[in-house]
């Protein structure tokens, strides 16, 4: 089977995103600079806080602890995309934080914000944010994939790969929930077999996604390849 990497734009970079929720201008500016210094894009959110955190994917969030914080945190933690995001609280009093303990805040910025302390906290937690990002990042990659579902054998072409799964275009339709075992190789990754399940389908286009079985130890080899690709 031949394989190749899909060409990437030279200006394109994978980047983790941190939502800055309803912060004052001075705090937003300082934290944006701190995050970007460590390769994390800061995205100001001033309206529709809960709606955006329920639908958009972010790897981290900074929210000022106050009367509106609980609704926003509830929306984030209950969403499929942001339930495991890294959450920073911007606080004036630890007493207010205790009221939100069920949402699992990960770290705290203290008001009034001071740049050295903010930089120190972002530096100490950046790998948590980037790790969460790498769980979801999708790398465009085209390679031939062999699939086995019970006694049935068929082939597909990969479109994108992440450490948790891949999207493919098949030679025939598949059904959602179908358990499969797939085989593929990449330039620096020898052929690997791994179990998974079809997690979504677009039958008219013969597109589908496979989520790798988290219990399959071979998944670690794919994660190593993805991490190495992102760092190269």
Protein backbone atom coordinates (compact mmCIF):
# COMPACT_ATOMS: atom_id res chain seq x y z
CA UNK A 1 0.00 0.00 0.00
CA UNK A 2 1.33 3.44 -0.86
CA UNK A 3 1.06 6.27 1.59
CA UNK A 4 1.73 9.98 1.72
CA UNK A 5 1.20 13.01 3.89
CA UNK A 6 -1.32 15.53 2.63
CA UNK A 7 0.39 18.86 1.88
CA UNK A 8 0.01 21.46 4.62
CA UNK A 9 0.07 25.19 4.06
CA UNK A 10 3.40 26.62 5.17
CA UNK A 11 1.55 29.28 7.15
CA UNK A 12 -0.70 26.81 8.94
CA UNK A 13 0.11 25.89 12.53
CA UNK A 14 -1.81 23.71 14.92
CA UNK A 15 -2.62 25.76 17.99
CA UNK A 16 -4.38 25.25 21.29
CA UNK A 17 -7.04 27.83 22.16
CA UNK A 18 -7.88 29.44 25.49
CA UNK A 19 -11.23 31.20 25.88
CA UNK A 20 -11.06 34.43 27.89
CA UNK A 21 -14.60 34.82 29.17
CA UNK A 22 -15.94 38.31 29.89
CA UNK A 23 -12.67 39.72 31.24
CA UNK A 24 -11.86 43.39 31.64
CA UNK A 25 -9.70 44.88 28.90
CA UNK A 26 -6.55 45.09 31.05
CA UNK A 27 -6.84 41.46 32.21
CA UNK A 28 -7.69 40.23 28.72
CA UNK A 29 -4.69 41.99 27.19
CA UNK A 30 -2.23 40.71 29.79
CA UNK A 31 -3.45 37.11 29.72
CA UNK A 32 -3.56 37.05 25.91
CA UNK A 33 0.12 38.00 25.83
CA UNK A 34 0.99 35.42 28.50
CA UNK A 35 -0.75 32.55 26.71
CA UNK A 36 0.61 33.43 23.30
CA UNK A 37 4.13 33.48 24.70
CA UNK A 38 3.68 29.74 25.26
CA UNK A 39 2.04 28.94 21.91
CA UNK A 40 -1.59 29.13 23.06
CA UNK A 41 -4.05 31.38 21.20
CA UNK A 42 -6.29 33.50 23.41
CA UNK A 43 -9.87 34.00 22.17
CA UNK A 44 -11.89 36.77 23.87
CA UNK A 45 -15.55 35.84 24.47
CA UNK A 46 -17.74 38.77 25.46
CA UNK A 47 -21.22 37.54 24.47
CA UNK A 48 -23.06 34.20 24.31
CA UNK A 49 -20.58 32.73 26.79
CA UNK A 50 -22.44 29.52 27.62
CA UNK A 51 -23.54 28.94 24.03
CA UNK A 52 -20.04 29.23 22.60
CA UNK A 53 -18.47 27.00 25.26
CA UNK A 54 -21.15 24.40 24.60
CA UNK A 55 -20.48 24.29 20.84
CA UNK A 56 -16.89 25.42 20.15
CA UNK A 57 -13.78 23.44 21.09
CA UNK A 58 -11.32 25.10 23.45
CA UNK A 59 -8.43 23.53 25.33
CA UNK A 60 -8.56 26.04 28.17
CA UNK A 61 -10.77 28.74 29.61
CA UNK A 62 -10.21 31.71 31.93
CA UNK A 63 -13.30 32.95 33.71
CA UNK A 64 -13.71 35.57 36.40
CA UNK A 65 -15.25 33.91 39.43
CA UNK A 66 -18.54 35.69 40.10
CA UNK A 67 -22.30 35.53 39.71
CA UNK A 68 -22.22 34.40 36.05
CA UNK A 69 -19.42 31.89 36.39
CA UNK A 70 -21.53 28.89 37.41
CA UNK A 71 -23.76 28.96 34.32
CA UNK A 72 -20.74 29.19 32.03
CA UNK A 73 -18.86 26.39 33.81
CA UNK A 74 -21.94 24.18 33.77
CA UNK A 75 -22.22 24.67 30.02
CA UNK A 76 -18.53 23.87 29.46
CA UNK A 77 -18.35 20.80 31.69
CA UNK A 78 -21.55 19.34 30.21
CA UNK A 79 -20.47 19.81 26.59
CA UNK A 80 -18.96 16.93 24.64
CA UNK A 81 -16.06 19.03 23.39
CA UNK A 82 -15.04 20.95 26.52
CA UNK A 83 -15.82 18.64 29.42
CA UNK A 84 -12.10 18.06 30.04
CA UNK A 85 -10.84 21.54 29.22
CA UNK A 86 -8.35 23.21 31.58
CA UNK A 87 -10.22 25.89 33.54
CA UNK A 88 -8.52 28.86 35.16
CA UNK A 89 -10.40 31.02 37.63
CA UNK A 90 -9.69 34.74 37.97
CA UNK A 91 -10.38 35.39 41.64
CA UNK A 92 -10.22 38.00 44.33
CA UNK A 93 -11.20 35.67 47.16
CA UNK A 94 -10.73 31.92 47.65
CA UNK A 95 -14.09 31.84 49.41
CA UNK A 96 -15.84 32.36 46.06
CA UNK A 97 -13.87 29.47 44.51
CA UNK A 98 -15.17 26.93 47.02
CA UNK A 99 -18.71 27.48 45.76
CA UNK A 100 -17.57 26.21 42.35
CA UNK A 101 -15.57 23.21 43.55
CA UNK A 102 -17.83 20.70 41.74
CA UNK A 103 -16.64 22.09 38.40
CA UNK A 104 -13.02 21.18 39.05
CA UNK A 105 -11.17 24.43 38.44
CA UNK A 106 -7.58 23.58 37.58
CA UNK A 107 -5.67 26.75 38.48
CA UNK A 108 -6.22 30.29 39.76
CA UNK A 109 -5.11 33.74 38.67
CA UNK A 110 -5.36 36.22 41.53
CA UNK A 111 -6.61 39.79 41.24
CA UNK A 112 -5.12 42.26 40.85
CA UNK A 113 -3.24 40.52 38.05
CA UNK A 114 0.53 40.86 38.01
CA UNK A 115 2.43 39.87 34.89
CA UNK A 116 5.25 37.84 36.58
CA UNK A 117 2.73 35.74 38.53
CA UNK A 118 0.50 35.26 35.48
CA UNK A 119 3.44 34.15 33.32
CA UNK A 120 4.59 31.75 36.03
CA UNK A 121 1.16 30.10 36.22
CA UNK A 122 0.80 29.75 32.44
CA UNK A 123 4.29 28.28 32.20
CA UNK A 124 3.51 25.77 34.97
CA UNK A 125 0.27 24.63 33.32
CA UNK A 126 1.01 24.95 29.59
CA UNK A 127 1.65 21.23 29.11
CA UNK A 128 -1.78 20.41 30.54
CA UNK A 129 -3.34 22.68 27.93
CA UNK A 130 -1.21 21.37 25.08
CA UNK A 131 -1.82 17.76 26.11
CA UNK A 132 -5.58 18.38 25.99
CA UNK A 133 -5.10 19.96 22.59
CA UNK A 134 -3.18 16.97 21.25
CA UNK A 135 -6.00 14.65 22.28
CA UNK A 136 -8.16 16.27 19.62
CA UNK A 137 -5.86 17.73 16.95
CA UNK A 138 -6.42 16.23 13.49
CA UNK A 139 -3.54 15.90 11.07
CA UNK A 140 -4.41 15.78 7.35
CA UNK A 141 -2.90 12.54 6.08
CA UNK A 142 -3.73 10.38 3.06
CA UNK A 143 -2.90 6.70 3.18
CA UNK A 144 -4.60 3.45 2.17
CA UNK A 145 -6.38 1.72 5.05
CA UNK A 146 -7.51 -1.91 5.24
CA UNK A 147 -10.56 -2.67 7.39
CA UNK A 148 -11.94 -5.91 8.76
CA UNK A 149 -15.48 -6.09 10.15
CA UNK A 150 -16.32 -9.67 11.10
CA UNK A 151 -15.80 -11.74 7.94
CA UNK A 152 -15.93 -8.68 5.70
CA UNK A 153 -12.78 -7.04 4.29
CA UNK A 154 -12.77 -3.68 2.51
CA UNK A 155 -10.52 -0.67 1.95
CA UNK A 156 -10.64 3.09 2.48
CA UNK A 157 -8.45 6.18 2.23
CA UNK A 158 -7.67 8.16 5.35
CA UNK A 159 -8.40 11.88 5.44
CA UNK A 160 -7.34 12.97 8.94
CA UNK A 161 -5.63 11.27 11.87
CA UNK A 162 -5.57 12.05 15.59
CA UNK A 163 -4.36 10.11 18.59
CA UNK A 164 -7.97 9.08 19.25
CA UNK A 165 -9.17 8.09 15.78
CA UNK A 166 -9.27 8.86 12.08
CA UNK A 167 -11.67 9.95 9.36
CA UNK A 168 -11.85 7.99 6.13
CA UNK A 169 -13.48 7.75 2.71
CA UNK A 170 -14.60 4.21 1.95
CA UNK A 171 -15.23 2.17 -1.16
CA UNK A 172 -18.64 1.28 0.28
CA UNK A 173 -21.05 2.46 2.98
CA UNK A 174 -20.54 1.43 6.60
CA UNK A 175 -22.89 1.66 9.58
CA UNK A 176 -22.37 3.71 12.72
CA UNK A 177 -21.33 1.63 15.74
CA UNK A 178 -19.72 -1.08 13.61
CA UNK A 179 -16.71 -2.67 15.37
CA UNK A 180 -13.72 -2.82 13.06
CA UNK A 181 -10.02 -3.58 13.02
CA UNK A 182 -7.99 -1.35 10.75
CA UNK A 183 -4.49 -1.49 9.33
CA UNK A 184 -2.38 1.33 7.90
CA UNK A 185 1.16 2.63 7.65
CA UNK A 186 2.72 6.10 7.49
CA UNK A 187 6.12 7.34 6.40
CA UNK A 188 7.70 6.88 9.83
CA UNK A 189 5.11 4.55 11.34
CA UNK A 190 5.38 0.87 10.33
CA UNK A 191 2.15 -0.95 9.58
CA UNK A 192 -0.08 -1.12 12.61
CA UNK A 193 -3.32 -2.92 13.37
CA UNK A 194 -5.75 -1.41 15.87
CA UNK A 195 -9.32 -2.03 16.99
CA UNK A 196 -12.00 0.64 16.88
CA UNK A 197 -15.64 1.48 16.26
CA UNK A 198 -17.29 3.52 13.54
CA UNK A 199 -18.32 6.65 15.44
CA UNK A 200 -20.04 8.66 12.66
CA UNK A 201 -21.00 8.30 9.01
CA UNK A 202 -22.00 10.38 6.00
CA UNK A 203 -23.47 7.64 3.80
CA UNK A 204 -24.08 9.73 0.70
CA UNK A 205 -20.39 10.68 0.59
CA UNK A 206 -19.12 7.35 1.97
CA UNK A 207 -17.27 9.26 4.68
CA UNK A 208 -16.97 7.90 8.20
CA UNK A 209 -14.92 8.17 11.37
CA UNK A 210 -13.31 5.46 13.47
CA UNK A 211 -12.68 5.95 17.16
CA UNK A 212 -9.76 3.84 18.35
CA UNK A 213 -10.47 1.44 21.21
CA UNK A 214 -8.94 3.11 24.32
CA UNK A 215 -8.19 -0.38 25.70
CA UNK A 216 -6.02 -1.26 22.71
CA UNK A 217 -2.38 -0.81 23.75
CA UNK A 218 -1.36 -0.22 20.13
CA UNK A 219 -3.02 3.19 20.38
CA UNK A 220 0.11 4.43 22.20
CA UNK A 221 2.19 4.03 19.01
CA UNK A 222 -0.21 6.26 17.12
CA UNK A 223 -0.14 8.88 19.88
CA UNK A 224 3.68 8.87 19.78
CA UNK A 225 3.58 9.44 16.02
CA UNK A 226 1.06 12.31 16.34
CA UNK A 227 3.06 13.98 19.13
CA UNK A 228 6.27 13.65 17.12
CA UNK A 229 4.63 15.07 14.00
CA UNK A 230 3.34 18.11 15.89
CA UNK A 231 6.72 18.78 17.47
CA UNK A 232 8.73 18.37 14.27
